[in-house]
Protein backbone atom coordinates (compact mmCIF):
# COMPACT_ATOMS: atom_id res chain seq x y z
CA MET A 1 0.00 0.00 0.00
CA GLY A 2 1.52 3.28 -1.07
CA LYS A 3 2.00 6.41 0.94
CA GLU A 4 -0.38 8.28 -1.36
CA LYS A 5 -3.16 5.83 -0.57
CA LEU A 6 -2.62 6.22 3.20
CA ASN A 7 -2.67 10.01 2.93
CA ALA A 8 -5.80 9.89 0.80
CA SER A 9 -7.66 7.89 3.46
CA ALA A 10 -6.62 10.20 6.31
CA PRO A 11 -9.26 12.70 7.39
CA LYS A 12 -8.76 16.16 5.94
CA ARG A 13 -8.64 19.12 8.29
CA ARG A 14 -8.87 22.72 7.31
CA ARG A 15 -5.53 24.41 7.74
CA ARG A 16 -6.41 27.81 6.43
CA PRO A 17 -5.63 30.69 8.76
CA GLY A 18 -8.61 32.58 9.90
CA PRO A 19 -10.78 33.65 12.77
CA GLU A 20 -12.11 30.17 13.56
CA ILE A 21 -10.80 28.18 16.51
CA GLY A 22 -12.33 24.73 16.40
CA ARG A 23 -16.04 25.34 16.10
CA LEU A 24 -15.97 28.70 17.87
CA SER A 25 -14.92 31.93 16.25
CA GLN A 26 -12.28 34.00 18.01
CA THR A 27 -14.96 36.47 19.04
CA SER A 28 -17.08 33.70 20.54
CA MET A 29 -14.08 32.26 22.36
CA CYS A 30 -13.20 35.67 23.80
CA LEU A 31 -16.80 36.11 24.92
CA VAL A 32 -16.67 32.71 26.67
CA MET A 33 -13.31 33.50 28.30
CA VAL A 34 -14.57 36.83 29.60
CA GLY A 35 -18.27 36.02 29.95
CA VAL A 36 -18.01 32.94 32.18
CA PRO A 37 -16.03 34.69 34.96
CA ILE A 38 -18.23 37.79 34.73
CA LEU A 39 -21.33 35.61 34.95
CA LEU A 40 -19.91 33.81 38.00
CA TRP A 41 -19.03 37.14 39.61
CA ALA A 42 -22.50 38.53 38.89
CA LEU A 43 -24.28 35.48 40.31
CA LEU A 44 -22.13 35.36 43.44
CA SER A 45 -22.44 39.12 43.92
CA PHE A 46 -26.21 38.93 43.48
CA ALA A 47 -26.34 36.22 46.15
CA ALA A 48 -24.25 38.37 48.50
CA ARG A 49 -26.40 41.44 47.91
CA ARG A 50 -29.61 39.50 48.57
CA GLN A 51 -28.11 37.92 51.68
CA LYS A 52 -28.52 34.50 50.08
CA ALA A 53 -24.82 33.72 50.51
CA LYS A 54 -24.37 30.61 52.62
CA ILE A 55 -21.76 31.82 55.07
CA PRO A 56 -21.26 30.86 58.71
CA ASN A 57 -22.88 33.26 61.16
CA ALA A 58 -24.76 34.99 58.34
CA SER A 59 -27.02 36.90 60.74
CA TYR A 60 -23.94 38.39 62.41
CA TRP A 61 -22.14 39.29 59.17
CA PHE A 62 -25.22 40.70 57.44
CA ALA A 63 -26.26 42.82 60.43
CA ALA A 64 -26.82 46.46 59.51
CA SER A 65 -23.52 47.64 61.03
CA ARG A 66 -21.41 45.06 59.15
CA ARG A 67 -23.45 44.51 56.00
CA GLY A 68 -21.60 47.03 53.81
CA ALA A 69 -18.16 45.71 54.69
CA THR A 70 -19.31 42.11 54.28
CA VAL A 71 -20.81 42.74 50.85
CA ARG A 72 -17.68 44.64 49.72
CA PHE A 73 -15.49 41.78 50.93
CA LEU A 74 -17.66 39.22 49.11
CA PHE A 75 -17.62 41.33 45.91
CA THR A 76 -13.81 41.46 46.08
CA GLN A 77 -13.59 37.73 46.65
CA CYS A 78 -15.98 37.05 43.77
CA ALA A 79 -13.83 39.21 41.50
CA TRP A 80 -10.73 37.24 42.53
CA PHE A 81 -12.59 34.01 41.76
CA GLY A 82 -13.34 35.41 38.31
CA VAL A 83 -9.64 36.13 37.79
CA ILE A 84 -8.68 32.63 38.98
CA SER A 85 -11.20 30.96 36.68
CA THR A 86 -10.12 33.13 33.72
CA VAL A 87 -6.50 32.13 34.24
CA PHE A 88 -7.50 28.46 34.45
CA LEU A 89 -9.65 28.65 31.30
CA GLY A 90 -6.81 30.44 29.50
CA CYS A 91 -4.41 27.69 30.54
CA VAL A 92 -6.78 24.99 29.28
CA PHE A 93 -7.24 26.88 26.01
CA TRP A 94 -3.46 27.17 25.62
CA LEU A 95 -3.02 23.43 26.24
CA VAL A 96 -5.69 22.58 23.67
CA SER A 97 -4.11 24.95 21.14
CA ALA A 98 -0.68 23.42 21.74
CA ALA A 99 -2.13 19.92 21.25
CA ASN A 100 -3.78 20.95 17.98
CA ALA A 101 -0.60 22.63 16.74
CA GLY A 102 1.52 19.54 17.42
CA ALA A 103 -0.55 17.00 15.50
CA PRO A 104 -3.51 18.55 13.70
CA ALA A 105 -4.84 15.22 12.41
CA HIS A 106 -4.81 13.54 15.83
CA PRO A 107 -4.39 16.09 18.61
CA VAL A 108 -3.36 14.71 21.98
CA LEU A 109 -3.74 16.75 25.13
CA GLU A 110 -0.75 16.34 27.42
CA PRO A 111 -2.26 14.73 30.52
CA ARG A 112 0.59 15.76 32.82
CA GLN A 113 0.26 19.43 31.95
CA MET A 114 -3.52 19.26 32.26
CA HIS A 115 -3.24 17.55 35.65
CA VAL A 116 -0.81 20.23 36.84
CA ALA A 117 -3.17 23.01 35.67
CA LEU A 118 -6.20 21.34 37.23
CA GLY A 119 -4.33 20.57 40.45
CA ALA A 120 -3.12 24.16 40.73
CA PHE A 121 -6.64 25.48 40.09
CA LEU A 122 -8.16 23.14 42.69
CA ALA A 123 -5.44 24.01 45.22
CA VAL A 124 -6.06 27.74 44.76
CA VAL A 125 -9.83 27.26 45.04
CA ALA A 126 -9.41 25.09 48.18
CA THR A 127 -7.19 27.77 49.74
CA TRP A 128 -9.69 30.46 48.75
CA VAL A 129 -12.61 28.53 50.30
CA THR A 130 -10.58 27.90 53.48
CA VAL A 131 -9.74 31.61 53.81
CA LEU A 132 -13.41 32.53 53.28
CA ASN A 133 -14.51 29.97 55.85
CA MET A 134 -11.95 31.18 58.39
CA ARG A 135 -12.94 34.80 57.81
CA PHE A 136 -16.64 34.16 58.36
CA SER A 137 -16.32 31.53 61.10
CA ARG A 138 -15.13 34.04 63.65
CA GLU A 139 -17.32 36.87 64.83
CA THR A 140 -14.76 39.67 64.58
CA ALA A 141 -13.84 41.58 61.45
């Protein structure tokens, strides 16, 4: 069997440069990368504003004298979570792009790099949740 026959049976992929990344356009991908963290921030901030946030000692922290500081702190933390998730999504996107650049016909995501990225993200989120829990477990600001 000749090399030409093998190449003819291989699936063809578009290799033209352009605004498309996979099935999403660059604009759509940018909207996802920015929109997901903003949506998370908005939902978490809405929960904090409506006092629907599930925090320890919520009645203490949402009392009239502490409510403003508590909501500001939660907004800040939600913004940091948006930054963390944006960095993680960017890392995943970079890994997928690197996999597609290496072997366009059969891309392979490097599991070690993905595990490192996921592990780092989960470690940061675990630390973030621990800090939030410690902050709201005590009844002093």
